[in-house]
Amino acid sequence: MLAQRLGEALRLRRDSFLWMVTQPRASGDAVLVVAGVFVVWYLLLRTSNLGVLSELNSLFGGVVSFLMAWVIATAAYWAVGRYLLHGSGQFWSALPVVGFAHAPLVLVPIGAKLLGLALVSWAAAAGWAMLMLAAGSRVALDLDQERPAIAAAAGVLGWFVGFFRF
């Protein structure tokens, strides 16, 4: 079910965002998406083999950092959409939308490590995440056609602040 919903969200299907806003388990699934993206990053970008405990410590710390960046990105996305753009919706309904929008970030380590295109992969991942956030903001924040891009940009900027802060 998670893979199906993730695939629909990546294709920007409205039904997947409606599901995220209405289903209580969507936030739990979003946690799995965020943690899964970090695991891919960790496996592809790690540079040395550490001891088992050090590996687990690094893995756990990285997952926590990604989760913190997710919350900060959601706060920026929701606050801009709700208060600056006069949308509606609750913070908790925006949380799974931003979590699922982490999925394109798997392009970063793949592009950087395997293809040697770090900047291109960052741009592609951020662009796709913005498209997902814009599509989700029509449901989660009840924004009209002109305003979703602003909320999406706030979400991506919030993620970068959280990512580089933690």
N, C-alpha and C. Protein backbone atom coordinates (compact mmCIF):
# COMPACT_ATOMS: atom_id res chain seq x y z
N MET A 1 0.82 -1.19 0.00
CA MET A 1 0.00 0.00 0.00
C MET A 1 0.87 1.26 0.00
N LEU A 2 1.93 1.27 0.79
CA LEU A 2 2.82 2.43 0.84
C LEU A 2 3.46 2.69 -0.52
N ALA A 3 3.93 1.64 -1.17
CA ALA A 3 4.55 1.79 -2.48
C ALA A 3 3.55 2.34 -3.50
N GLN A 4 2.32 1.88 -3.43
CA GLN A 4 1.28 2.36 -4.35
C GLN A 4 1.01 3.84 -4.12
N ARG A 5 0.84 4.24 -2.86
CA ARG A 5 0.57 5.65 -2.55
C ARG A 5 1.76 6.54 -2.93
N LEU A 6 2.96 6.05 -2.68
CA LEU A 6 4.15 6.80 -3.04
C LEU A 6 4.24 6.99 -4.55
N GLY A 7 3.95 5.93 -5.29
CA GLY A 7 3.96 6.02 -6.75
C GLY A 7 2.94 7.03 -7.26
N GLU A 8 1.76 7.04 -6.67
CA GLU A 8 0.73 8.00 -7.07
C GLU A 8 1.15 9.43 -6.74
N ALA A 9 1.77 9.61 -5.57
CA ALA A 9 2.23 10.95 -5.18
C ALA A 9 3.34 11.43 -6.12
N LEU A 10 4.24 10.53 -6.47
CA LEU A 10 5.32 10.90 -7.39
C LEU A 10 4.78 11.30 -8.77
N ARG A 11 3.63 10.73 -9.12
CA ARG A 11 2.97 11.09 -10.39
C ARG A 11 2.01 12.27 -10.23
N LEU A 12 2.01 12.85 -9.01
CA LEU A 12 1.23 14.06 -8.69
C LEU A 12 -0.27 13.84 -8.80
N ARG A 13 -0.73 12.66 -8.45
CA ARG A 13 -2.15 12.35 -8.52
C ARG A 13 -2.88 12.90 -7.29
N ARG A 14 -3.93 13.61 -7.53
CA ARG A 14 -4.70 14.26 -6.46
C ARG A 14 -5.20 13.25 -5.42
N ASP A 15 -5.59 12.06 -5.85
CA ASP A 15 -6.12 11.06 -4.92
C ASP A 15 -5.12 10.71 -3.83
N SER A 16 -3.84 10.67 -4.18
CA SER A 16 -2.85 10.33 -3.16
C SER A 16 -2.76 11.42 -2.10
N PHE A 17 -2.90 12.67 -2.49
CA PHE A 17 -2.85 13.76 -1.53
C PHE A 17 -4.12 13.82 -0.69
N LEU A 18 -5.25 13.49 -1.28
CA LEU A 18 -6.49 13.39 -0.49
C LEU A 18 -6.35 12.30 0.56
N TRP A 19 -5.76 11.17 0.18
CA TRP A 19 -5.53 10.09 1.13
C TRP A 19 -4.63 10.56 2.27
N MET A 20 -3.56 11.29 1.95
CA MET A 20 -2.63 11.77 2.97
C MET A 20 -3.32 12.66 3.99
N VAL A 21 -4.24 13.49 3.53
CA VAL A 21 -4.90 14.44 4.41
C VAL A 21 -5.98 13.77 5.26
N THR A 22 -6.60 12.73 4.75
CA THR A 22 -7.73 12.13 5.45
C THR A 22 -7.40 10.89 6.27
N GLN A 23 -6.29 10.25 6.02
CA GLN A 23 -5.97 9.00 6.72
C GLN A 23 -4.96 9.21 7.84
N PRO A 24 -5.28 8.78 9.04
CA PRO A 24 -4.36 8.95 10.18
C PRO A 24 -3.03 8.24 9.98
N ARG A 25 -3.00 7.15 9.26
CA ARG A 25 -1.75 6.40 9.09
C ARG A 25 -0.80 7.04 8.07
N ALA A 26 -1.24 8.07 7.38
CA ALA A 26 -0.41 8.70 6.37
C ALA A 26 0.87 9.30 6.96
N SER A 27 0.79 9.86 8.15
CA SER A 27 1.99 10.41 8.78
C SER A 27 2.99 9.32 9.13
N GLY A 28 2.50 8.17 9.56
CA GLY A 28 3.39 7.03 9.82
C GLY A 28 4.07 6.55 8.55
N ASP A 29 3.32 6.51 7.47
CA ASP A 29 3.91 6.13 6.18
C ASP A 29 4.94 7.16 5.73
N ALA A 30 4.65 8.43 6.01
CA ALA A 30 5.60 9.49 5.65
C ALA A 30 6.90 9.35 6.44
N VAL A 31 6.82 8.93 7.70
CA VAL A 31 8.03 8.68 8.50
C VAL A 31 8.87 7.61 7.80
N LEU A 32 8.23 6.57 7.31
CA LEU A 32 8.95 5.51 6.60
C LEU A 32 9.60 6.03 5.32
N VAL A 33 8.93 6.92 4.62
CA VAL A 33 9.50 7.50 3.40
C VAL A 33 10.74 8.32 3.75
N VAL A 34 10.61 9.20 4.74
CA VAL A 34 11.74 10.06 5.13
C VAL A 34 12.92 9.21 5.60
N ALA A 35 12.66 8.24 6.47
CA ALA A 35 13.75 7.38 6.97
C ALA A 35 14.35 6.55 5.84
N GLY A 36 13.51 6.05 4.94
CA GLY A 36 14.00 5.27 3.81
C GLY A 36 14.90 6.07 2.89
N VAL A 37 14.55 7.33 2.66
CA VAL A 37 15.39 8.19 1.82
C VAL A 37 16.75 8.36 2.48
N PHE A 38 16.77 8.58 3.80
CA PHE A 38 18.07 8.73 4.45
C PHE A 38 18.89 7.45 4.36
N VAL A 39 18.27 6.30 4.52
CA VAL A 39 19.01 5.03 4.43
C VAL A 39 19.66 4.90 3.06
N VAL A 40 18.94 5.27 2.00
CA VAL A 40 19.54 5.25 0.66
C VAL A 40 20.73 6.20 0.61
N TRP A 41 20.56 7.40 1.15
CA TRP A 41 21.67 8.36 1.20
C TRP A 41 22.86 7.76 1.92
N TYR A 42 22.59 7.16 3.07
CA TYR A 42 23.67 6.62 3.91
C TYR A 42 24.41 5.50 3.18
N LEU A 43 23.68 4.61 2.58
CA LEU A 43 24.31 3.47 1.92
C LEU A 43 25.12 3.89 0.69
N LEU A 44 24.65 4.89 -0.03
CA LEU A 44 25.35 5.30 -1.24
C LEU A 44 26.45 6.34 -1.01
N LEU A 45 26.34 7.12 0.06
CA LEU A 45 27.28 8.22 0.24
C LEU A 45 28.31 8.01 1.35
N ARG A 46 28.19 6.95 2.11
CA ARG A 46 29.17 6.76 3.18
C ARG A 46 30.55 6.51 2.57
N THR A 47 31.56 6.98 3.26
CA THR A 47 32.91 6.95 2.69
C THR A 47 33.83 5.94 3.35
N SER A 48 33.48 5.46 4.51
CA SER A 48 34.36 4.49 5.16
C SER A 48 33.53 3.49 5.95
N ASN A 49 34.13 2.36 6.22
CA ASN A 49 33.48 1.35 7.04
C ASN A 49 33.85 1.57 8.50
N LEU A 50 32.89 1.79 9.32
CA LEU A 50 33.09 1.98 10.74
C LEU A 50 32.74 0.69 11.46
N GLY A 51 32.95 0.66 12.73
CA GLY A 51 32.50 -0.49 13.51
C GLY A 51 30.99 -0.55 13.53
N VAL A 52 30.44 -1.67 13.95
CA VAL A 52 28.99 -1.87 13.93
C VAL A 52 28.28 -0.81 14.76
N LEU A 53 28.77 -0.54 15.96
CA LEU A 53 28.11 0.45 16.80
C LEU A 53 28.20 1.86 16.21
N SER A 54 29.34 2.18 15.63
CA SER A 54 29.48 3.50 15.00
C SER A 54 28.58 3.63 13.78
N GLU A 55 28.45 2.56 13.02
CA GLU A 55 27.55 2.57 11.86
C GLU A 55 26.10 2.79 12.31
N LEU A 56 25.69 2.06 13.34
CA LEU A 56 24.32 2.21 13.84
C LEU A 56 24.09 3.60 14.42
N ASN A 57 25.09 4.13 15.12
CA ASN A 57 24.98 5.47 15.67
C ASN A 57 24.85 6.51 14.55
N SER A 58 25.66 6.39 13.51
CA SER A 58 25.58 7.31 12.38
C SER A 58 24.25 7.19 11.66
N LEU A 59 23.79 5.98 11.48
CA LEU A 59 22.51 5.75 10.82
C LEU A 59 21.37 6.35 11.62
N PHE A 60 21.35 6.09 12.92
CA PHE A 60 20.29 6.62 13.78
C PHE A 60 20.32 8.14 13.80
N GLY A 61 21.52 8.73 13.96
CA GLY A 61 21.65 10.18 13.98
C GLY A 61 21.20 10.83 12.68
N GLY A 62 21.50 10.19 11.58
CA GLY A 62 21.08 10.72 10.28
C GLY A 62 19.58 10.66 10.09
N VAL A 63 18.96 9.58 10.53
CA VAL A 63 17.50 9.47 10.42
C VAL A 63 16.85 10.55 11.26
N VAL A 64 17.37 10.77 12.48
CA VAL A 64 16.82 11.82 13.34
C VAL A 64 16.98 13.19 12.68
N SER A 65 18.13 13.44 12.07
CA SER A 65 18.35 14.73 11.37
C SER A 65 17.36 14.91 10.23
N PHE A 66 17.13 13.86 9.45
CA PHE A 66 16.16 13.96 8.36
C PHE A 66 14.75 14.20 8.91
N LEU A 67 14.41 13.55 10.01
CA LEU A 67 13.09 13.75 10.61
C LEU A 67 12.93 15.19 11.12
N MET A 68 13.97 15.74 11.70
CA MET A 68 13.92 17.14 12.15
C MET A 68 13.77 18.08 10.96
N ALA A 69 14.52 17.83 9.89
CA ALA A 69 14.39 18.66 8.69
C ALA A 69 12.98 18.57 8.13
N TRP A 70 12.37 17.40 8.21
CA TRP A 70 11.00 17.20 7.75
C TRP A 70 10.03 18.07 8.54
N VAL A 71 10.16 18.09 9.84
CA VAL A 71 9.28 18.89 10.69
C VAL A 71 9.47 20.38 10.40
N ILE A 72 10.71 20.82 10.26
CA ILE A 72 10.98 22.23 9.96
C ILE A 72 10.42 22.60 8.59
N ALA A 73 10.60 21.74 7.61
CA ALA A 73 10.06 22.00 6.27
C ALA A 73 8.54 22.07 6.32
N THR A 74 7.92 21.18 7.09
CA THR A 74 6.46 21.20 7.21
C THR A 74 5.99 22.48 7.87
N ALA A 75 6.70 22.92 8.90
CA ALA A 75 6.33 24.16 9.58
C ALA A 75 6.39 25.35 8.62
N ALA A 76 7.45 25.42 7.80
CA ALA A 76 7.57 26.52 6.84
C ALA A 76 6.47 26.44 5.79
N TYR A 77 6.24 25.25 5.26
CA TYR A 77 5.22 25.01 4.23
C TYR A 77 3.84 25.38 4.74
N TRP A 78 3.51 24.89 5.94
CA TRP A 78 2.20 25.13 6.51
C TRP A 78 2.01 26.60 6.90
N ALA A 79 3.01 27.20 7.55
CA ALA A 79 2.87 28.59 8.00
C ALA A 79 2.71 29.55 6.83
N VAL A 80 3.50 29.36 5.79
CA VAL A 80 3.37 30.23 4.61
C VAL A 80 2.02 30.01 3.95
N GLY A 81 1.63 28.75 3.78
CA GLY A 81 0.34 28.46 3.15
C GLY A 81 -0.84 28.94 3.95
N ARG A 82 -0.76 28.79 5.25
CA ARG A 82 -1.89 29.14 6.11
C ARG A 82 -1.98 30.64 6.39
N TYR A 83 -0.87 31.24 6.76
CA TYR A 83 -0.92 32.63 7.23
C TYR A 83 -0.55 33.66 6.17
N LEU A 84 0.41 33.37 5.34
CA LEU A 84 0.80 34.34 4.32
C LEU A 84 -0.12 34.27 3.10
N LEU A 85 -0.48 33.05 2.71
CA LEU A 85 -1.31 32.86 1.51
C LEU A 85 -2.79 32.68 1.85
N HIS A 86 -3.13 32.71 3.13
CA HIS A 86 -4.51 32.64 3.62
C HIS A 86 -5.22 31.35 3.22
N GLY A 87 -4.48 30.25 3.28
CA GLY A 87 -5.09 28.95 3.05
C GLY A 87 -5.70 28.43 4.33
N SER A 88 -6.10 27.18 4.29
CA SER A 88 -6.63 26.54 5.49
C SER A 88 -5.89 25.23 5.68
N GLY A 89 -6.30 24.45 6.60
CA GLY A 89 -5.65 23.18 6.84
C GLY A 89 -4.83 23.22 8.11
N GLN A 90 -4.62 22.06 8.66
CA GLN A 90 -3.88 21.91 9.91
C GLN A 90 -2.45 21.48 9.62
N PHE A 91 -1.57 21.76 10.58
CA PHE A 91 -0.17 21.33 10.47
C PHE A 91 -0.09 19.83 10.22
N TRP A 92 -0.93 19.08 10.93
CA TRP A 92 -0.88 17.61 10.83
C TRP A 92 -1.31 17.10 9.46
N SER A 93 -2.10 17.87 8.75
CA SER A 93 -2.48 17.44 7.39
C SER A 93 -1.37 17.75 6.39
N ALA A 94 -0.52 18.72 6.70
CA ALA A 94 0.60 19.05 5.81
C ALA A 94 1.78 18.10 6.03
N LEU A 95 1.87 17.51 7.22
CA LEU A 95 3.01 16.67 7.57
C LEU A 95 3.23 15.50 6.60
N PRO A 96 2.21 14.71 6.27
CA PRO A 96 2.47 13.61 5.32
C PRO A 96 2.77 14.10 3.90
N VAL A 97 2.22 15.22 3.50
CA VAL A 97 2.51 15.74 2.16
C VAL A 97 4.00 16.06 2.04
N VAL A 98 4.55 16.74 3.03
CA VAL A 98 5.97 17.07 3.01
C VAL A 98 6.82 15.81 3.16
N GLY A 99 6.35 14.86 3.97
CA GLY A 99 7.10 13.61 4.13
C GLY A 99 7.20 12.83 2.83
N PHE A 100 6.10 12.70 2.13
CA PHE A 100 6.12 11.98 0.85
C PHE A 100 6.92 12.74 -0.20
N ALA A 101 6.99 14.07 -0.06
CA ALA A 101 7.78 14.87 -1.02
C ALA A 101 9.28 14.68 -0.83
N HIS A 102 9.68 13.94 0.18
CA HIS A 102 11.10 13.59 0.35
C HIS A 102 11.55 12.54 -0.66
N ALA A 103 10.63 11.81 -1.22
CA ALA A 103 10.99 10.69 -2.11
C ALA A 103 11.92 11.09 -3.25
N PRO A 104 11.72 12.22 -3.93
CA PRO A 104 12.65 12.57 -5.01
C PRO A 104 14.10 12.78 -4.55
N LEU A 105 14.30 12.96 -3.25
CA LEU A 105 15.65 13.17 -2.75
C LEU A 105 16.56 11.96 -2.93
N VAL A 106 16.00 10.80 -3.27
CA VAL A 106 16.87 9.66 -3.58
C VAL A 106 17.68 9.91 -4.84
N LEU A 107 17.26 10.89 -5.64
CA LEU A 107 18.03 11.24 -6.84
C LEU A 107 19.40 11.83 -6.50
N VAL A 108 19.51 12.45 -5.33
CA VAL A 108 20.75 13.14 -4.98
C VAL A 108 21.93 12.19 -4.87
N PRO A 109 21.88 11.14 -4.03
CA PRO A 109 23.04 10.26 -3.97
C PRO A 109 23.25 9.46 -5.25
N ILE A 110 22.17 9.13 -5.93
CA ILE A 110 22.30 8.38 -7.18
C ILE A 110 23.01 9.25 -8.21
N GLY A 111 22.57 10.48 -8.35
CA GLY A 111 23.20 11.39 -9.31
C GLY A 111 24.61 11.76 -8.93
N ALA A 112 24.84 11.97 -7.63
CA ALA A 112 26.17 12.40 -7.18
C ALA A 112 27.19 11.27 -7.23
N LYS A 113 26.83 10.13 -6.68
CA LYS A 113 27.79 9.03 -6.54
C LYS A 113 27.93 8.20 -7.81
N LEU A 114 26.82 7.86 -8.41
CA LEU A 114 26.86 6.96 -9.55
C LEU A 114 27.07 7.66 -10.88
N LEU A 115 26.57 8.89 -11.01
CA LEU A 115 26.66 9.60 -12.28
C LEU A 115 27.60 10.79 -12.25
N GLY A 116 28.01 11.21 -11.06
CA GLY A 116 28.89 12.37 -10.94
C GLY A 116 28.21 13.69 -11.24
N LEU A 117 26.91 13.76 -11.07
CA LEU A 117 26.14 14.96 -11.38
C LEU A 117 25.44 15.48 -10.13
N ALA A 118 26.20 15.91 -9.16
CA ALA A 118 25.63 16.31 -7.88
C ALA A 118 24.67 17.50 -8.01
N LEU A 119 25.11 18.56 -8.66
CA LEU A 119 24.28 19.76 -8.77
C LEU A 119 23.01 19.50 -9.57
N VAL A 120 23.14 18.75 -10.63
CA VAL A 120 21.97 18.41 -11.45
C VAL A 120 20.98 17.56 -10.65
N SER A 121 21.50 16.61 -9.88
CA SER A 121 20.61 15.76 -9.09
C SER A 121 19.92 16.54 -7.98
N TRP A 122 20.63 17.50 -7.35
CA TRP A 122 19.99 18.37 -6.35
C TRP A 122 18.87 19.18 -6.99
N ALA A 123 19.14 19.76 -8.14
CA ALA A 123 18.13 20.58 -8.83
C ALA A 123 16.91 19.74 -9.22
N ALA A 124 17.16 18.55 -9.75
CA ALA A 124 16.05 17.67 -10.15
C ALA A 124 15.22 17.25 -8.94
N ALA A 125 15.89 16.88 -7.86
CA ALA A 125 15.18 16.45 -6.65
C ALA A 125 14.36 17.60 -6.06
N ALA A 126 14.97 18.78 -5.96
CA ALA A 126 14.25 19.93 -5.41
C ALA A 126 13.07 20.33 -6.29
N GLY A 127 13.26 20.29 -7.60
CA GLY A 127 12.17 20.62 -8.52
C GLY A 127 11.00 19.65 -8.42
N TRP A 128 11.32 18.36 -8.36
CA TRP A 128 10.25 17.36 -8.26
C TRP A 128 9.56 17.46 -6.91
N ALA A 129 10.32 17.70 -5.84
CA ALA A 129 9.71 17.87 -4.52
C ALA A 129 8.80 19.10 -4.51
N MET A 130 9.22 20.17 -5.18
CA MET A 130 8.37 21.36 -5.25
C MET A 130 7.07 21.08 -6.00
N LEU A 131 7.16 20.29 -7.05
CA LEU A 131 5.93 19.92 -7.78
C LEU A 131 4.99 19.11 -6.88
N MET A 132 5.57 18.20 -6.11
CA MET A 132 4.75 17.40 -5.19
C MET A 132 4.12 18.28 -4.11
N LEU A 133 4.90 19.20 -3.56
CA LEU A 133 4.37 20.10 -2.53
C LEU A 133 3.30 21.02 -3.09
N ALA A 134 3.49 21.49 -4.31
CA ALA A 134 2.49 22.35 -4.94
C ALA A 134 1.19 21.57 -5.17
N ALA A 135 1.31 20.36 -5.66
CA ALA A 135 0.11 19.54 -5.88
C ALA A 135 -0.57 19.22 -4.55
N GLY A 136 0.21 18.92 -3.54
CA GLY A 136 -0.36 18.62 -2.22
C GLY A 136 -0.97 19.82 -1.53
N SER A 137 -0.47 21.02 -1.82
CA SER A 137 -0.99 22.20 -1.14
C SER A 137 -2.41 22.54 -1.57
N ARG A 138 -2.79 22.08 -2.72
CA ARG A 138 -4.18 22.32 -3.15
C ARG A 138 -5.15 21.56 -2.26
N VAL A 139 -4.68 20.44 -1.70
CA VAL A 139 -5.53 19.63 -0.83
C VAL A 139 -5.25 19.96 0.63
N ALA A 140 -3.99 19.87 1.05
CA ALA A 140 -3.63 20.02 2.46
C ALA A 140 -3.82 21.45 2.97
N LEU A 141 -3.61 22.44 2.12
CA LEU A 141 -3.70 23.84 2.54
C LEU A 141 -4.86 24.57 1.87
N ASP A 142 -5.56 23.89 0.98
CA ASP A 142 -6.70 24.45 0.26
C ASP A 142 -6.33 25.76 -0.46
N LEU A 143 -5.23 25.70 -1.20
CA LEU A 143 -4.79 26.88 -1.95
C LEU A 143 -5.31 26.81 -3.38
N ASP A 144 -5.57 27.97 -3.95
CA ASP A 144 -6.06 28.01 -5.33
C ASP A 144 -4.90 27.81 -6.31
N GLN A 145 -5.17 27.94 -7.57
CA GLN A 145 -4.21 27.63 -8.63
C GLN A 145 -2.94 28.48 -8.61
N GLU A 146 -3.02 29.73 -8.21
CA GLU A 146 -1.86 30.62 -8.32
C GLU A 146 -0.88 30.50 -7.16
N ARG A 147 -1.27 30.02 -6.02
CA ARG A 147 -0.46 30.12 -4.82
C ARG A 147 0.35 28.89 -4.41
N PRO A 148 0.11 27.71 -4.90
CA PRO A 148 0.84 26.54 -4.42
C PRO A 148 2.35 26.62 -4.59
N ALA A 149 2.83 27.26 -5.62
CA ALA A 149 4.28 27.32 -5.85
C ALA A 149 5.00 28.06 -4.73
N ILE A 150 4.36 29.07 -4.17
CA ILE A 150 4.98 29.82 -3.08
C ILE A 150 5.10 28.95 -1.83
N ALA A 151 4.04 28.23 -1.50
CA ALA A 151 4.09 27.32 -0.35
C ALA A 151 5.12 26.22 -0.58
N ALA A 152 5.19 25.70 -1.80
CA ALA A 152 6.15 24.66 -2.13
C ALA A 152 7.58 25.16 -1.98
N ALA A 153 7.84 26.37 -2.45
CA ALA A 153 9.18 26.94 -2.30
C ALA A 153 9.53 27.12 -0.83
N ALA A 154 8.58 27.52 -0.02
CA ALA A 154 8.82 27.66 1.42
C ALA A 154 9.14 26.31 2.05
N GLY A 155 8.46 25.28 1.62
CA GLY A 155 8.73 23.94 2.13
C GLY A 155 10.12 23.45 1.78
N VAL A 156 10.54 23.65 0.54
CA VAL A 156 11.88 23.23 0.12
C VAL A 156 12.94 24.06 0.84
N LEU A 157 12.72 25.36 0.94
CA LEU A 157 13.67 26.21 1.67
C LEU A 157 13.74 25.79 3.14
N GLY A 158 12.60 25.51 3.73
CA GLY A 158 12.58 25.03 5.13
C GLY A 158 13.33 23.73 5.29
N TRP A 159 13.23 22.83 4.29
CA TRP A 159 13.97 21.57 4.38
C TRP A 159 15.47 21.84 4.33
N PHE A 160 15.91 22.70 3.44
CA PHE A 160 17.34 23.01 3.36
C PHE A 160 17.85 23.62 4.66
N VAL A 161 17.06 24.51 5.26
CA VAL A 161 17.46 25.10 6.55
C VAL A 161 17.56 24.00 7.60
N GLY A 162 16.55 23.14 7.68
CA GLY A 162 16.59 22.05 8.65
C GLY A 162 17.69 21.06 8.38
N PHE A 163 17.93 20.75 7.12
CA PHE A 163 18.95 19.77 6.76
C PHE A 163 20.34 20.29 7.12
N PHE A 164 20.63 21.52 6.79
CA PHE A 164 21.95 22.05 7.05
C PHE A 164 22.13 22.50 8.50
N ARG A 165 21.02 22.66 9.22
CA ARG A 165 21.09 23.00 10.63
C ARG A 165 21.34 21.78 11.49
N PHE A 166 20.74 20.66 11.13
CA PHE A 166 20.88 19.44 11.93
C PHE A 166 21.79 18.49 11.19
